[in-house]
Amino acid sequence: MTLEKIAKILSDQLDVDVETINADTRIAEDLNADSLDVVELLLAVEDEFELEIPDEAIATLSTVGDVVDYIEANT
């Protein structure tokens, strides 16, 4: 369920097909997300899951699976 929500957010934000997004998808490399896209993604994730992602954790979130794992460990 978390993966599907993240995929939907990324799909809407980056205008990519939701079917192409999986846990191994690299946010910057595979989806061509720039730093502003990543910030917007993190804000959307924080709103959707009602949590705050600290700056030091952001650097560790390079794949969709990393984001999912972080959310599941912190909600």
PDB file of N, CA and C in Angstrom:
ATOM      1  N   MET A   1       0.821  -1.191   0.000  1.00  0.00           N
ATOM      2  CA  MET A   1       0.000   0.000   0.000  1.00  0.00           C
ATOM      3  C   MET A   1       0.869   1.260   0.000  1.00  0.00           C
ATOM      4  N   THR A   2       1.921   1.270   0.803  1.00  0.00           N
ATOM      5  CA  THR A   2       2.807   2.429   0.837  1.00  0.00           C
ATOM      6  C   THR A   2       3.473   2.629  -0.521  1.00  0.00           C
ATOM      7  N   LEU A   3       3.934   1.547  -1.128  1.00  0.00           N
ATOM      8  CA  LEU A   3       4.575   1.643  -2.438  1.00  0.00           C
ATOM      9  C   LEU A   3       3.624   2.246  -3.460  1.00  0.00           C
ATOM     10  N   GLU A   4       2.380   1.832  -3.449  1.00  0.00           N
ATOM     11  CA  GLU A   4       1.413   2.346  -4.407  1.00  0.00           C
ATOM     12  C   GLU A   4       1.182   3.850  -4.208  1.00  0.00           C
ATOM     13  N   LYS A   5       1.123   4.277  -2.957  1.00  0.00           N
ATOM     14  CA  LYS A   5       0.935   5.712  -2.675  1.00  0.00           C
ATOM     15  C   LYS A   5       2.131   6.527  -3.166  1.00  0.00           C
ATOM     16  N   ILE A   6       3.334   6.033  -2.892  1.00  0.00           N
ATOM     17  CA  ILE A   6       4.547   6.732  -3.333  1.00  0.00           C
ATOM     18  C   ILE A   6       4.600   6.766  -4.859  1.00  0.00           C
ATOM     19  N   ALA A   7       4.283   5.653  -5.494  1.00  0.00           N
ATOM     20  CA  ALA A   7       4.286   5.588  -6.960  1.00  0.00           C
ATOM     21  C   ALA A   7       3.293   6.586  -7.539  1.00  0.00           C
ATOM     22  N   LYS A   8       2.127   6.702  -6.926  1.00  0.00           N
ATOM     23  CA  LYS A   8       1.111   7.652  -7.402  1.00  0.00           C
ATOM     24  C   LYS A   8       1.611   9.092  -7.261  1.00  0.00           C
ATOM     25  N   ILE A   9       2.218   9.411  -6.126  1.00  0.00           N
ATOM     26  CA  ILE A   9       2.762  10.759  -5.912  1.00  0.00           C
ATOM     27  C   ILE A   9       3.819  11.060  -6.974  1.00  0.00           C
ATOM     28  N   LEU A  10       4.737  10.122  -7.195  1.00  0.00           N
ATOM     29  CA  LEU A  10       5.790  10.324  -8.189  1.00  0.00           C
ATOM     30  C   LEU A  10       5.210  10.447  -9.594  1.00  0.00           C
ATOM     31  N   SER A  11       4.250   9.617  -9.904  1.00  0.00           N
ATOM     32  CA  SER A  11       3.618   9.651 -11.218  1.00  0.00           C
ATOM     33  C   SER A  11       2.977  11.006 -11.484  1.00  0.00           C
ATOM     34  N   ASP A  12       2.240  11.494 -10.504  1.00  0.00           N
ATOM     35  CA  ASP A  12       1.577  12.792 -10.644  1.00  0.00           C
ATOM     36  C   ASP A  12       2.590  13.926 -10.737  1.00  0.00           C
ATOM     37  N   GLN A  13       3.586  13.872  -9.896  1.00  0.00           N
ATOM     38  CA  GLN A  13       4.565  14.949  -9.799  1.00  0.00           C
ATOM     39  C   GLN A  13       5.503  15.015 -10.999  1.00  0.00           C
ATOM     40  N   LEU A  14       5.926  13.854 -11.486  1.00  0.00           N
ATOM     41  CA  LEU A  14       6.935  13.825 -12.539  1.00  0.00           C
ATOM     42  C   LEU A  14       6.369  13.452 -13.904  1.00  0.00           C
ATOM     43  N   ASP A  15       5.068  13.258 -13.956  1.00  0.00           N
ATOM     44  CA  ASP A  15       4.386  12.927 -15.207  1.00  0.00           C
ATOM     45  C   ASP A  15       4.987  11.680 -15.859  1.00  0.00           C
ATOM     46  N   VAL A  16       5.082  10.623 -15.059  1.00  0.00           N
ATOM     47  CA  VAL A  16       5.554   9.332 -15.558  1.00  0.00           C
ATOM     48  C   VAL A  16       4.463   8.295 -15.312  1.00  0.00           C
ATOM     49  N   ASP A  17       4.499   7.223 -16.083  1.00  0.00           N
ATOM     50  CA  ASP A  17       3.515   6.154 -15.943  1.00  0.00           C
ATOM     51  C   ASP A  17       3.723   5.435 -14.616  1.00  0.00           C
ATOM     52  N   VAL A  18       2.677   5.356 -13.819  1.00  0.00           N
ATOM     53  CA  VAL A  18       2.768   4.729 -12.501  1.00  0.00           C
ATOM     54  C   VAL A  18       3.213   3.271 -12.610  1.00  0.00           C
ATOM     55  N   GLU A  19       2.897   2.627 -13.720  1.00  0.00           N
ATOM     56  CA  GLU A  19       3.271   1.218 -13.917  1.00  0.00           C
ATOM     57  C   GLU A  19       4.780   1.020 -14.063  1.00  0.00           C
ATOM     58  N   THR A  20       5.516   2.075 -14.351  1.00  0.00           N
ATOM     59  CA  THR A  20       6.966   1.966 -14.524  1.00  0.00           C
ATOM     60  C   THR A  20       7.726   2.133 -13.211  1.00  0.00           C
ATOM     61  N   ILE A  21       7.010   2.432 -12.139  1.00  0.00           N
ATOM     62  CA  ILE A  21       7.646   2.697 -10.850  1.00  0.00           C
ATOM     63  C   ILE A  21       7.539   1.467  -9.959  1.00  0.00           C
ATOM     64  N   ASN A  22       8.683   1.035  -9.427  1.00  0.00           N
ATOM     65  CA  ASN A  22       8.701  -0.081  -8.481  1.00  0.00           C
ATOM     66  C   ASN A  22       9.701   0.243  -7.372  1.00  0.00           C
ATOM     67  N   ALA A  23       9.885  -0.680  -6.454  1.00  0.00           N
ATOM     68  CA  ALA A  23      10.758  -0.427  -5.299  1.00  0.00           C
ATOM     69  C   ALA A  23      12.207  -0.159  -5.702  1.00  0.00           C
ATOM     70  N   ASP A  24      12.646  -0.706  -6.826  1.00  0.00           N
ATOM     71  CA  ASP A  24      14.025  -0.518  -7.264  1.00  0.00           C
ATOM     72  C   ASP A  24      14.242   0.734  -8.102  1.00  0.00           C
ATOM     73  N   THR A  25      13.171   1.445  -8.410  1.00  0.00           N
ATOM     74  CA  THR A  25      13.282   2.651  -9.231  1.00  0.00           C
ATOM     75  C   THR A  25      14.099   3.703  -8.485  1.00  0.00           C
ATOM     76  N   ARG A  26      15.138   4.189  -9.160  1.00  0.00           N
ATOM     77  CA  ARG A  26      15.980   5.249  -8.584  1.00  0.00           C
ATOM     78  C   ARG A  26      15.333   6.593  -8.911  1.00  0.00           C
ATOM     79  N   ILE A  27      15.081   7.372  -7.901  1.00  0.00           N
ATOM     80  CA  ILE A  27      14.310   8.603  -8.061  1.00  0.00           C
ATOM     81  C   ILE A  27      15.011   9.588  -8.979  1.00  0.00           C
ATOM     82  N   ALA A  28      16.274   9.856  -8.757  1.00  0.00           N
ATOM     83  CA  ALA A  28      16.983  10.832  -9.583  1.00  0.00           C
ATOM     84  C   ALA A  28      17.347  10.263 -10.945  1.00  0.00           C
ATOM     85  N   GLU A  29      17.939   9.084 -10.947  1.00  0.00           N
ATOM     86  CA  GLU A  29      18.465   8.529 -12.194  1.00  0.00           C
ATOM     87  C   GLU A  29      17.373   8.003 -13.130  1.00  0.00           C
ATOM     88  N   ASP A  30      16.461   7.181 -12.612  1.00  0.00           N
ATOM     89  CA  ASP A  30      15.452   6.553 -13.464  1.00  0.00           C
ATOM     90  C   ASP A  30      14.290   7.480 -13.806  1.00  0.00           C
ATOM     91  N   LEU A  31      13.957   8.376 -12.880  1.00  0.00           N
ATOM     92  CA  LEU A  31      12.806   9.254 -13.095  1.00  0.00           C
ATOM     93  C   LEU A  31      13.218  10.674 -13.473  1.00  0.00           C
ATOM     94  N   ASN A  32      14.517  10.903 -13.580  1.00  0.00           N
ATOM     95  CA  ASN A  32      15.046  12.223 -13.945  1.00  0.00           C
ATOM     96  C   ASN A  32      14.555  13.330 -13.020  1.00  0.00           C
ATOM     97  N   ALA A  33      14.467  13.020 -11.744  1.00  0.00           N
ATOM     98  CA  ALA A  33      14.036  14.012 -10.759  1.00  0.00           C
ATOM     99  C   ALA A  33      15.223  14.884 -10.374  1.00  0.00           C
ATOM    100  N   ASP A  34      15.016  16.186 -10.431  1.00  0.00           N
ATOM    101  CA  ASP A  34      16.067  17.094  -9.988  1.00  0.00           C
ATOM    102  C   ASP A  34      15.872  17.400  -8.502  1.00  0.00           C
ATOM    103  N   SER A  35      16.713  18.237  -7.947  1.00  0.00           N
ATOM    104  CA  SER A  35      16.663  18.498  -6.503  1.00  0.00           C
ATOM    105  C   SER A  35      15.334  19.131  -6.085  1.00  0.00           C
ATOM    106  N   LEU A  36      14.765  19.983  -6.921  1.00  0.00           N
ATOM    107  CA  LEU A  36      13.467  20.579  -6.601  1.00  0.00           C
ATOM    108  C   LEU A  36      12.375  19.506  -6.603  1.00  0.00           C
ATOM    109  N   ASP A  37      12.429  18.592  -7.571  1.00  0.00           N
ATOM    110  CA  ASP A  37      11.468  17.484  -7.614  1.00  0.00           C
ATOM    111  C   ASP A  37      11.541  16.642  -6.344  1.00  0.00           C
ATOM    112  N   VAL A  38      12.755  16.394  -5.877  1.00  0.00           N
ATOM    113  CA  VAL A  38      12.947  15.587  -4.679  1.00  0.00           C
ATOM    114  C   VAL A  38      12.362  16.301  -3.464  1.00  0.00           C
ATOM    115  N   VAL A  39      12.597  17.594  -3.354  1.00  0.00           N
ATOM    116  CA  VAL A  39      12.031  18.367  -2.242  1.00  0.00           C
ATOM    117  C   VAL A  39      10.507  18.308  -2.284  1.00  0.00           C
ATOM    118  N   GLU A  40       9.933  18.496  -3.472  1.00  0.00           N
ATOM    119  CA  GLU A  40       8.477  18.446  -3.603  1.00  0.00           C
ATOM    120  C   GLU A  40       7.943  17.056  -3.264  1.00  0.00           C
ATOM    121  N   LEU A  41       8.675  16.016  -3.681  1.00  0.00           N
ATOM    122  CA  LEU A  41       8.279  14.650  -3.344  1.00  0.00           C
ATOM    123  C   LEU A  41       8.268  14.461  -1.833  1.00  0.00           C
ATOM    124  N   LEU A  42       9.326  14.886  -1.179  1.00  0.00           N
ATOM    125  CA  LEU A  42       9.417  14.706   0.268  1.00  0.00           C
ATOM    126  C   LEU A  42       8.337  15.470   1.001  1.00  0.00           C
ATOM    127  N   LEU A  43       8.000  16.659   0.548  1.00  0.00           N
ATOM    128  CA  LEU A  43       6.904  17.421   1.159  1.00  0.00           C
ATOM    129  C   LEU A  43       5.581  16.692   0.979  1.00  0.00           C
ATOM    130  N   ALA A  44       5.346  16.158  -0.204  1.00  0.00           N
ATOM    131  CA  ALA A  44       4.117  15.416  -0.467  1.00  0.00           C
ATOM    132  C   ALA A  44       4.046  14.151   0.391  1.00  0.00           C
ATOM    133  N   VAL A  45       5.176  13.478   0.539  1.00  0.00           N
ATOM    134  CA  VAL A  45       5.230  12.269   1.367  1.00  0.00           C
ATOM    135  C   VAL A  45       4.969  12.624   2.828  1.00  0.00           C
ATOM    136  N   GLU A  46       5.585  13.690   3.292  1.00  0.00           N
ATOM    137  CA  GLU A  46       5.363  14.117   4.676  1.00  0.00           C
ATOM    138  C   GLU A  46       3.892  14.429   4.915  1.00  0.00           C
ATOM    139  N   ASP A  47       3.251  15.104   3.984  1.00  0.00           N
ATOM    140  CA  ASP A  47       1.825  15.421   4.120  1.00  0.00           C
ATOM    141  C   ASP A  47       0.977  14.153   4.076  1.00  0.00           C
ATOM    142  N   GLU A  48       1.239  13.282   3.114  1.00  0.00           N
ATOM    143  CA  GLU A  48       0.445  12.061   2.930  1.00  0.00           C
ATOM    144  C   GLU A  48       0.523  11.137   4.141  1.00  0.00           C
ATOM    145  N   PHE A  49       1.721  11.002   4.703  1.00  0.00           N
ATOM    146  CA  PHE A  49       1.924  10.035   5.777  1.00  0.00           C
ATOM    147  C   PHE A  49       2.037  10.688   7.153  1.00  0.00           C
ATOM    148  N   GLU A  50       1.856  12.000   7.215  1.00  0.00           N
ATOM    149  CA  GLU A  50       1.877  12.747   8.476  1.00  0.00           C
ATOM    150  C   GLU A  50       3.127  12.448   9.298  1.00  0.00           C
ATOM    151  N   LEU A  51       4.278  12.650   8.662  1.00  0.00           N
ATOM    152  CA  LEU A  51       5.549  12.484   9.349  1.00  0.00           C
ATOM    153  C   LEU A  51       6.527  13.524   8.835  1.00  0.00           C
ATOM    154  N   GLU A  52       7.612  13.686   9.567  1.00  0.00           N
ATOM    155  CA  GLU A  52       8.659  14.618   9.145  1.00  0.00           C
ATOM    156  C   GLU A  52       9.920  13.817   8.862  1.00  0.00           C
ATOM    157  N   ILE A  53      10.504  14.087   7.695  1.00  0.00           N
ATOM    158  CA  ILE A  53      11.730  13.399   7.308  1.00  0.00           C
ATOM    159  C   ILE A  53      12.894  14.349   7.585  1.00  0.00           C
ATOM    160  N   PRO A  54      13.768  14.007   8.529  1.00  0.00           N
ATOM    161  CA  PRO A  54      14.888  14.891   8.856  1.00  0.00           C
ATOM    162  C   PRO A  54      15.896  14.972   7.702  1.00  0.00           C
ATOM    163  N   ASP A  55      16.587  16.090   7.641  1.00  0.00           N
ATOM    164  CA  ASP A  55      17.548  16.325   6.561  1.00  0.00           C
ATOM    165  C   ASP A  55      18.583  15.214   6.437  1.00  0.00           C
ATOM    166  N   GLU A  56      19.051  14.686   7.565  1.00  0.00           N
ATOM    167  CA  GLU A  56      20.081  13.651   7.503  1.00  0.00           C
ATOM    168  C   GLU A  56      19.545  12.354   6.900  1.00  0.00           C
ATOM    169  N   ALA A  57      18.261  12.120   6.971  1.00  0.00           N
ATOM    170  CA  ALA A  57      17.665  10.914   6.377  1.00  0.00           C
ATOM    171  C   ALA A  57      17.473  11.063   4.868  1.00  0.00           C
ATOM    172  N   ILE A  58      17.295  12.281   4.409  1.00  0.00           N
ATOM    173  CA  ILE A  58      17.020  12.526   2.992  1.00  0.00           C
ATOM    174  C   ILE A  58      18.122  11.965   2.098  1.00  0.00           C
ATOM    175  N   ALA A  59      19.355  12.115   2.502  1.00  0.00           N
ATOM    176  CA  ALA A  59      20.492  11.646   1.697  1.00  0.00           C
ATOM    177  C   ALA A  59      20.494  10.131   1.507  1.00  0.00           C
ATOM    178  N   THR A  60      19.799   9.402   2.368  1.00  0.00           N
ATOM    179  CA  THR A  60      19.775   7.941   2.275  1.00  0.00           C
ATOM    180  C   THR A  60      18.627   7.423   1.422  1.00  0.00           C
ATOM    181  N   LEU A  61      17.772   8.302   0.938  1.00  0.00           N
ATOM    182  CA  LEU A  61      16.568   7.895   0.208  1.00  0.00           C
ATOM    183  C   LEU A  61      16.783   8.064  -1.294  1.00  0.00           C
ATOM    184  N   SER A  62      17.414   7.090  -1.916  1.00  0.00           N
ATOM    185  CA  SER A  62      17.695   7.221  -3.348  1.00  0.00           C
ATOM    186  C   SER A  62      16.749   6.417  -4.230  1.00  0.00           C
ATOM    187  N   THR A  63      16.137   5.367  -3.680  1.00  0.00           N
ATOM    188  CA  THR A  63      15.184   4.585  -4.468  1.00  0.00           C
ATOM    189  C   THR A  63      13.789   4.709  -3.862  1.00  0.00           C
ATOM    190  N   VAL A  64      12.802   4.307  -4.632  1.00  0.00           N
ATOM    191  CA  VAL A  64      11.430   4.306  -4.128  1.00  0.00           C
ATOM    192  C   VAL A  64      11.339   3.363  -2.929  1.00  0.00           C
ATOM    193  N   GLY A  65      12.023   2.234  -2.999  1.00  0.00           N
ATOM    194  CA  GLY A  65      12.036   1.296  -1.885  1.00  0.00           C
ATOM    195  C   GLY A  65      12.622   1.892  -0.614  1.00  0.00           C
ATOM    196  N   ASP A  66      13.647   2.733  -0.761  1.00  0.00           N
ATOM    197  CA  ASP A  66      14.225   3.415   0.409  1.00  0.00           C
ATOM    198  C   ASP A  66      13.176   4.296   1.083  1.00  0.00           C
ATOM    199  N   VAL A  67      12.394   5.013   0.283  1.00  0.00           N
ATOM    200  CA  VAL A  67      11.351   5.887   0.820  1.00  0.00           C
ATOM    201  C   VAL A  67      10.287   5.047   1.524  1.00  0.00           C
ATOM    202  N   VAL A  68       9.863   3.969   0.886  1.00  0.00           N
ATOM    203  CA  VAL A  68       8.861   3.076   1.470  1.00  0.00           C
ATOM    204  C   VAL A  68       9.360   2.515   2.802  1.00  0.00           C
ATOM    205  N   ASP A  69      10.600   2.016   2.810  1.00  0.00           N
ATOM    206  CA  ASP A  69      11.169   1.456   4.045  1.00  0.00           C
ATOM    207  C   ASP A  69      11.227   2.497   5.146  1.00  0.00           C
ATOM    208  N   TYR A  70      11.618   3.729   4.806  1.00  0.00           N
ATOM    209  CA  TYR A  70      11.698   4.795   5.813  1.00  0.00           C
ATOM    210  C   TYR A  70      10.317   5.068   6.394  1.00  0.00           C
ATOM    211  N   ILE A  71       9.328   5.191   5.517  1.00  0.00           N
ATOM    212  CA  ILE A  71       7.970   5.476   5.982  1.00  0.00           C
ATOM    213  C   ILE A  71       7.464   4.352   6.886  1.00  0.00           C
ATOM    214  N   GLU A  72       7.637   3.119   6.460  1.00  0.00           N
ATOM    215  CA  GLU A  72       7.135   1.997   7.236  1.00  0.00           C
ATOM    216  C   GLU A  72       7.844   1.869   8.584  1.00  0.00           C
ATOM    217  N   ALA A  73       9.099   2.275   8.653  1.00  0.00           N
ATOM    218  CA  ALA A  73       9.843   2.210   9.914  1.00  0.00           C
ATOM    219  C   ALA A  73       9.510   3.365  10.845  1.00  0.00           C
ATOM    220  N   ASN A  74       8.930   4.435  10.295  1.00  0.00           N
ATOM    221  CA  ASN A  74       8.722   5.643  11.101  1.00  0.00           C
ATOM    222  C   ASN A  74       7.268   6.069  11.241  1.00  0.00           C
ATOM    223  N   THR A  75       6.351   5.205  10.879  1.00  0.00           N
ATOM    224  CA  THR A  75       4.931   5.559  11.074  1.00  0.00           C
ATOM    225  C   THR A  75       4.263   4.528  11.951  1.00  0.00           C
TER     226      THR A  75
END
